[in-house]
Amino acid sequence: MADLGIAGRDGAILAMEQINATGGINGRSLSLIIRDDQQNSNIAAKVVNDLVHQKVVAIVGHMT
């Protein structure tokens, strides 16, 4: 299933680059944090908890 994650990641990178090239959102550039859950529910839970503790604004995923 890695191909789904790779395609999703690449699409997110492209979208972020396009948004940032036009000035970002409300003048602020976006940054992307990418994590691999290895299609493992325990790892997925840890990844989400880590991102929440980092106070990320949004989480997109998991791909499968």
PDB file of N, CA and C in Angstrom:
ATOM      1  N   MET A   1       0.803  -1.196   0.000  1.00  0.00           N
ATOM      2  CA  MET A   1       0.000   0.000   0.000  1.00  0.00           C
ATOM      3  C   MET A   1       0.852   1.270   0.000  1.00  0.00           C
ATOM      4  N   ALA A   2       2.149   1.110  -0.039  1.00  0.00           N
ATOM      5  CA  ALA A   2       3.022   2.286   0.001  1.00  0.00           C
ATOM      6  C   ALA A   2       2.739   3.245  -1.148  1.00  0.00           C
ATOM      7  N   ASP A   3       2.303   2.709  -2.291  1.00  0.00           N
ATOM      8  CA  ASP A   3       2.048   3.580  -3.440  1.00  0.00           C
ATOM      9  C   ASP A   3       0.962   4.607  -3.139  1.00  0.00           C
ATOM     10  N   LEU A   4      -0.044   4.244  -2.352  1.00  0.00           N
ATOM     11  CA  LEU A   4      -1.088   5.206  -1.978  1.00  0.00           C
ATOM     12  C   LEU A   4      -0.516   6.315  -1.105  1.00  0.00           C
ATOM     13  N   GLY A   5       0.299   5.937  -0.142  1.00  0.00           N
ATOM     14  CA  GLY A   5       0.925   6.935   0.722  1.00  0.00           C
ATOM     15  C   GLY A   5       1.861   7.846  -0.034  1.00  0.00           C
ATOM     16  N   ILE A   6       2.630   7.277  -0.947  1.00  0.00           N
ATOM     17  CA  ILE A   6       3.577   8.065  -1.735  1.00  0.00           C
ATOM     18  C   ILE A   6       2.830   9.055  -2.622  1.00  0.00           C
ATOM     19  N   ALA A   7       1.766   8.595  -3.285  1.00  0.00           N
ATOM     20  CA  ALA A   7       0.979   9.483  -4.147  1.00  0.00           C
ATOM     21  C   ALA A   7       0.327  10.592  -3.323  1.00  0.00           C
ATOM     22  N   GLY A   8      -0.214  10.242  -2.165  1.00  0.00           N
ATOM     23  CA  GLY A   8      -0.818  11.246  -1.296  1.00  0.00           C
ATOM     24  C   GLY A   8       0.195  12.259  -0.806  1.00  0.00           C
ATOM     25  N   ARG A   9       1.358  11.761  -0.407  1.00  0.00           N
ATOM     26  CA  ARG A   9       2.436  12.657   0.048  1.00  0.00           C
ATOM     27  C   ARG A   9       2.865  13.604  -1.058  1.00  0.00           C
ATOM     28  N   ASP A  10       3.082  13.044  -2.247  1.00  0.00           N
ATOM     29  CA  ASP A  10       3.526  13.872  -3.368  1.00  0.00           C
ATOM     30  C   ASP A  10       2.481  14.917  -3.740  1.00  0.00           C
ATOM     31  N   GLY A  11       1.199  14.540  -3.681  1.00  0.00           N
ATOM     32  CA  GLY A  11       0.130  15.495  -3.963  1.00  0.00           C
ATOM     33  C   GLY A  11       0.086  16.615  -2.930  1.00  0.00           C
ATOM     34  N   ALA A  12       0.286  16.263  -1.668  1.00  0.00           N
ATOM     35  CA  ALA A  12       0.300  17.268  -0.606  1.00  0.00           C
ATOM     36  C   ALA A  12       1.484  18.219  -0.759  1.00  0.00           C
ATOM     37  N   ILE A  13       2.631  17.676  -1.127  1.00  0.00           N
ATOM     38  CA  ILE A  13       3.814  18.516  -1.348  1.00  0.00           C
ATOM     39  C   ILE A  13       3.555  19.489  -2.488  1.00  0.00           C
ATOM     40  N   LEU A  14       3.002  18.998  -3.590  1.00  0.00           N
ATOM     41  CA  LEU A  14       2.712  19.854  -4.736  1.00  0.00           C
ATOM     42  C   LEU A  14       1.728  20.956  -4.354  1.00  0.00           C
ATOM     43  N   ALA A  15       0.662  20.594  -3.658  1.00  0.00           N
ATOM     44  CA  ALA A  15      -0.331  21.593  -3.251  1.00  0.00           C
ATOM     45  C   ALA A  15       0.291  22.647  -2.337  1.00  0.00           C
ATOM     46  N   MET A  16       1.102  22.212  -1.385  1.00  0.00           N
ATOM     47  CA  MET A  16       1.747  23.144  -0.471  1.00  0.00           C
ATOM     48  C   MET A  16       2.674  24.091  -1.232  1.00  0.00           C
ATOM     49  N   GLU A  17       3.433  23.558  -2.172  1.00  0.00           N
ATOM     50  CA  GLU A  17       4.345  24.403  -2.950  1.00  0.00           C
ATOM     51  C   GLU A  17       3.573  25.436  -3.759  1.00  0.00           C
ATOM     52  N   GLN A  18       2.447  25.027  -4.341  1.00  0.00           N
ATOM     53  CA  GLN A  18       1.634  25.960  -5.121  1.00  0.00           C
ATOM     54  C   GLN A  18       1.017  27.037  -4.229  1.00  0.00           C
ATOM     55  N   ILE A  19       0.533  26.662  -3.074  1.00  0.00           N
ATOM     56  CA  ILE A  19      -0.051  27.638  -2.141  1.00  0.00           C
ATOM     57  C   ILE A  19       1.015  28.618  -1.674  1.00  0.00           C
ATOM     58  N   ASN A  20       2.181  28.114  -1.312  1.00  0.00           N
ATOM     59  CA  ASN A  20       3.258  28.987  -0.842  1.00  0.00           C
ATOM     60  C   ASN A  20       3.766  29.903  -1.941  1.00  0.00           C
ATOM     61  N   ALA A  21       3.747  29.429  -3.195  1.00  0.00           N
ATOM     62  CA  ALA A  21       4.215  30.240  -4.319  1.00  0.00           C
ATOM     63  C   ALA A  21       3.307  31.444  -4.568  1.00  0.00           C
ATOM     64  N   THR A  22       2.062  31.346  -4.118  1.00  0.00           N
ATOM     65  CA  THR A  22       1.121  32.453  -4.301  1.00  0.00           C
ATOM     66  C   THR A  22       0.922  33.258  -3.016  1.00  0.00           C
ATOM     67  N   GLY A  23       1.829  33.098  -2.070  1.00  0.00           N
ATOM     68  CA  GLY A  23       1.771  33.912  -0.864  1.00  0.00           C
ATOM     69  C   GLY A  23       1.267  33.211   0.372  1.00  0.00           C
ATOM     70  N   GLY A  24       0.988  31.916   0.254  1.00  0.00           N
ATOM     71  CA  GLY A  24       0.547  31.165   1.429  1.00  0.00           C
ATOM     72  C   GLY A  24      -0.913  31.411   1.742  1.00  0.00           C
ATOM     73  N   ILE A  25      -1.275  31.232   2.985  1.00  0.00           N
ATOM     74  CA  ILE A  25      -2.635  31.472   3.453  1.00  0.00           C
ATOM     75  C   ILE A  25      -2.582  32.644   4.420  1.00  0.00           C
ATOM     76  N   ASN A  26      -3.322  33.699   4.076  1.00  0.00           N
ATOM     77  CA  ASN A  26      -3.295  34.939   4.873  1.00  0.00           C
ATOM     78  C   ASN A  26      -1.868  35.422   5.069  1.00  0.00           C
ATOM     79  N   GLY A  27      -1.049  35.268   4.023  1.00  0.00           N
ATOM     80  CA  GLY A  27       0.325  35.750   4.066  1.00  0.00           C
ATOM     81  C   GLY A  27       1.304  34.856   4.801  1.00  0.00           C
ATOM     82  N   ARG A  28       0.834  33.696   5.247  1.00  0.00           N
ATOM     83  CA  ARG A  28       1.719  32.779   5.981  1.00  0.00           C
ATOM     84  C   ARG A  28       1.993  31.548   5.141  1.00  0.00           C
ATOM     85  N   SER A  29       3.258  31.169   5.047  1.00  0.00           N
ATOM     86  CA  SER A  29       3.646  29.965   4.309  1.00  0.00           C
ATOM     87  C   SER A  29       3.270  28.719   5.095  1.00  0.00           C
ATOM     88  N   LEU A  30       2.988  27.672   4.355  1.00  0.00           N
ATOM     89  CA  LEU A  30       2.689  26.380   4.960  1.00  0.00           C
ATOM     90  C   LEU A  30       3.955  25.555   5.080  1.00  0.00           C
ATOM     91  N   SER A  31       3.987  24.675   6.042  1.00  0.00           N
ATOM     92  CA  SER A  31       5.053  23.680   6.121  1.00  0.00           C
ATOM     93  C   SER A  31       4.383  22.326   6.302  1.00  0.00           C
ATOM     94  N   LEU A  32       5.032  21.311   5.823  1.00  0.00           N
ATOM     95  CA  LEU A  32       4.468  19.970   5.820  1.00  0.00           C
ATOM     96  C   LEU A  32       5.322  19.068   6.691  1.00  0.00           C
ATOM     97  N   ILE A  33       4.673  18.357   7.590  1.00  0.00           N
ATOM     98  CA  ILE A  33       5.346  17.360   8.428  1.00  0.00           C
ATOM     99  C   ILE A  33       4.839  16.002   7.962  1.00  0.00           C
ATOM    100  N   ILE A  34       5.727  15.150   7.518  1.00  0.00           N
ATOM    101  CA  ILE A  34       5.341  13.850   6.961  1.00  0.00           C
ATOM    102  C   ILE A  34       5.792  12.751   7.913  1.00  0.00           C
ATOM    103  N   ARG A  35       4.875  11.839   8.203  1.00  0.00           N
ATOM    104  CA  ARG A  35       5.173  10.694   9.061  1.00  0.00           C
ATOM    105  C   ARG A  35       4.667   9.425   8.390  1.00  0.00           C
ATOM    106  N   ASP A  36       5.347   8.318   8.630  1.00  0.00           N
ATOM    107  CA  ASP A  36       4.974   7.011   8.076  1.00  0.00           C
ATOM    108  C   ASP A  36       4.428   6.149   9.202  1.00  0.00           C
ATOM    109  N   ASP A  37       3.164   5.737   9.075  1.00  0.00           N
ATOM    110  CA  ASP A  37       2.571   4.878  10.105  1.00  0.00           C
ATOM    111  C   ASP A  37       2.809   3.395   9.835  1.00  0.00           C
ATOM    112  N   GLN A  38       3.469   3.093   8.726  1.00  0.00           N
ATOM    113  CA  GLN A  38       3.841   1.727   8.346  1.00  0.00           C
ATOM    114  C   GLN A  38       2.642   0.779   8.320  1.00  0.00           C
ATOM    115  N   GLN A  39       1.472   1.340   8.143  1.00  0.00           N
ATOM    116  CA  GLN A  39       0.222   0.583   8.134  1.00  0.00           C
ATOM    117  C   GLN A  39       0.053  -0.265   9.389  1.00  0.00           C
ATOM    118  N   ASN A  40       0.472   0.315  10.499  1.00  0.00           N
ATOM    119  CA  ASN A  40       0.408  -0.358  11.787  1.00  0.00           C
ATOM    120  C   ASN A  40      -0.389   0.544  12.729  1.00  0.00           C
ATOM    121  N   SER A  41      -1.479   0.029  13.279  1.00  0.00           N
ATOM    122  CA  SER A  41      -2.356   0.862  14.092  1.00  0.00           C
ATOM    123  C   SER A  41      -1.661   1.411  15.339  1.00  0.00           C
ATOM    124  N   ASN A  42      -0.750   0.671  15.927  1.00  0.00           N
ATOM    125  CA  ASN A  42      -0.018   1.164  17.098  1.00  0.00           C
ATOM    126  C   ASN A  42       0.897   2.324  16.730  1.00  0.00           C
ATOM    127  N   ILE A  43       1.586   2.182  15.613  1.00  0.00           N
ATOM    128  CA  ILE A  43       2.464   3.262  15.145  1.00  0.00           C
ATOM    129  C   ILE A  43       1.622   4.464  14.735  1.00  0.00           C
ATOM    130  N   ALA A  44       0.491   4.217  14.083  1.00  0.00           N
ATOM    131  CA  ALA A  44      -0.392   5.308  13.663  1.00  0.00           C
ATOM    132  C   ALA A  44      -0.855   6.125  14.864  1.00  0.00           C
ATOM    133  N   ALA A  45      -1.238   5.457  15.940  1.00  0.00           N
ATOM    134  CA  ALA A  45      -1.677   6.157  17.148  1.00  0.00           C
ATOM    135  C   ALA A  45      -0.539   6.994  17.732  1.00  0.00           C
ATOM    136  N   LYS A  46       0.671   6.443  17.741  1.00  0.00           N
ATOM    137  CA  LYS A  46       1.816   7.188  18.263  1.00  0.00           C
ATOM    138  C   LYS A  46       2.110   8.406  17.391  1.00  0.00           C
ATOM    139  N   VAL A  47       2.051   8.228  16.082  1.00  0.00           N
ATOM    140  CA  VAL A  47       2.311   9.336  15.160  1.00  0.00           C
ATOM    141  C   VAL A  47       1.307  10.469  15.402  1.00  0.00           C
ATOM    142  N   VAL A  48       0.030  10.127  15.506  1.00  0.00           N
ATOM    143  CA  VAL A  48      -0.997  11.148  15.733  1.00  0.00           C
ATOM    144  C   VAL A  48      -0.770  11.847  17.073  1.00  0.00           C
ATOM    145  N   ASN A  49      -0.495  11.083  18.111  1.00  0.00           N
ATOM    146  CA  ASN A  49      -0.234  11.691  19.421  1.00  0.00           C
ATOM    147  C   ASN A  49       0.964  12.634  19.375  1.00  0.00           C
ATOM    148  N   ASP A  50       2.011  12.233  18.675  1.00  0.00           N
ATOM    149  CA  ASP A  50       3.188  13.095  18.544  1.00  0.00           C
ATOM    150  C   ASP A  50       2.831  14.400  17.836  1.00  0.00           C
ATOM    151  N   LEU A  51       2.038  14.307  16.771  1.00  0.00           N
ATOM    152  CA  LEU A  51       1.647  15.506  16.030  1.00  0.00           C
ATOM    153  C   LEU A  51       0.754  16.408  16.878  1.00  0.00           C
ATOM    154  N   VAL A  52      -0.152  15.825  17.630  1.00  0.00           N
ATOM    155  CA  VAL A  52      -1.015  16.605  18.515  1.00  0.00           C
ATOM    156  C   VAL A  52      -0.175  17.341  19.551  1.00  0.00           C
ATOM    157  N   HIS A  53       0.821  16.671  20.107  1.00  0.00           N
ATOM    158  CA  HIS A  53       1.683  17.322  21.096  1.00  0.00           C
ATOM    159  C   HIS A  53       2.532  18.436  20.475  1.00  0.00           C
ATOM    160  N   GLN A  54       2.792  18.333  19.169  1.00  0.00           N
ATOM    161  CA  GLN A  54       3.507  19.397  18.463  1.00  0.00           C
ATOM    162  C   GLN A  54       2.582  20.560  18.131  1.00  0.00           C
ATOM    163  N   LYS A  55       1.280  20.375  18.406  1.00  0.00           N
ATOM    164  CA  LYS A  55       0.252  21.391  18.153  1.00  0.00           C
ATOM    165  C   LYS A  55       0.150  21.754  16.681  1.00  0.00           C
ATOM    166  N   VAL A  56       0.208  20.732  15.814  1.00  0.00           N
ATOM    167  CA  VAL A  56       0.017  20.985  14.390  1.00  0.00           C
ATOM    168  C   VAL A  56      -1.399  21.496  14.167  1.00  0.00           C
ATOM    169  N   VAL A  57      -1.592  22.230  13.095  1.00  0.00           N
ATOM    170  CA  VAL A  57      -2.889  22.836  12.803  1.00  0.00           C
ATOM    171  C   VAL A  57      -3.848  21.831  12.194  1.00  0.00           C
ATOM    172  N   ALA A  58      -3.337  20.910  11.380  1.00  0.00           N
ATOM    173  CA  ALA A  58      -4.205  19.934  10.710  1.00  0.00           C
ATOM    174  C   ALA A  58      -3.439  18.643  10.480  1.00  0.00           C
ATOM    175  N   ILE A  59      -4.177  17.559  10.483  1.00  0.00           N
ATOM    176  CA  ILE A  59      -3.614  16.235  10.165  1.00  0.00           C
ATOM    177  C   ILE A  59      -4.424  15.677   9.005  1.00  0.00           C
ATOM    178  N   VAL A  60      -3.723  15.282   7.949  1.00  0.00           N
ATOM    179  CA  VAL A  60      -4.362  14.667   6.784  1.00  0.00           C
ATOM    180  C   VAL A  60      -3.878  13.228   6.707  1.00  0.00           C
ATOM    181  N   GLY A  61      -4.792  12.292   6.702  1.00  0.00           N
ATOM    182  CA  GLY A  61      -4.417  10.887   6.625  1.00  0.00           C
ATOM    183  C   GLY A  61      -5.230  10.135   7.641  1.00  0.00           C
ATOM    184  N   HIS A  62      -4.985   9.039   7.747  1.00  0.00           N
ATOM    185  CA  HIS A  62      -4.060   8.062   7.183  1.00  0.00           C
ATOM    186  C   HIS A  62      -4.580   7.630   5.816  1.00  0.00           C
ATOM    187  N   MET A  63      -3.679   7.205   4.967  1.00  0.00           N
ATOM    188  CA  MET A  63      -4.054   6.930   3.582  1.00  0.00           C
ATOM    189  C   MET A  63      -4.834   5.633   3.421  1.00  0.00           C
ATOM    190  N   THR A  64      -4.641   4.684   4.317  1.00  0.00           N
ATOM    191  CA  THR A  64      -5.405   3.426   4.222  1.00  0.00           C
ATOM    192  C   THR A  64      -5.992   3.090   5.575  1.00  0.00           C
TER     193      THR A  64
END
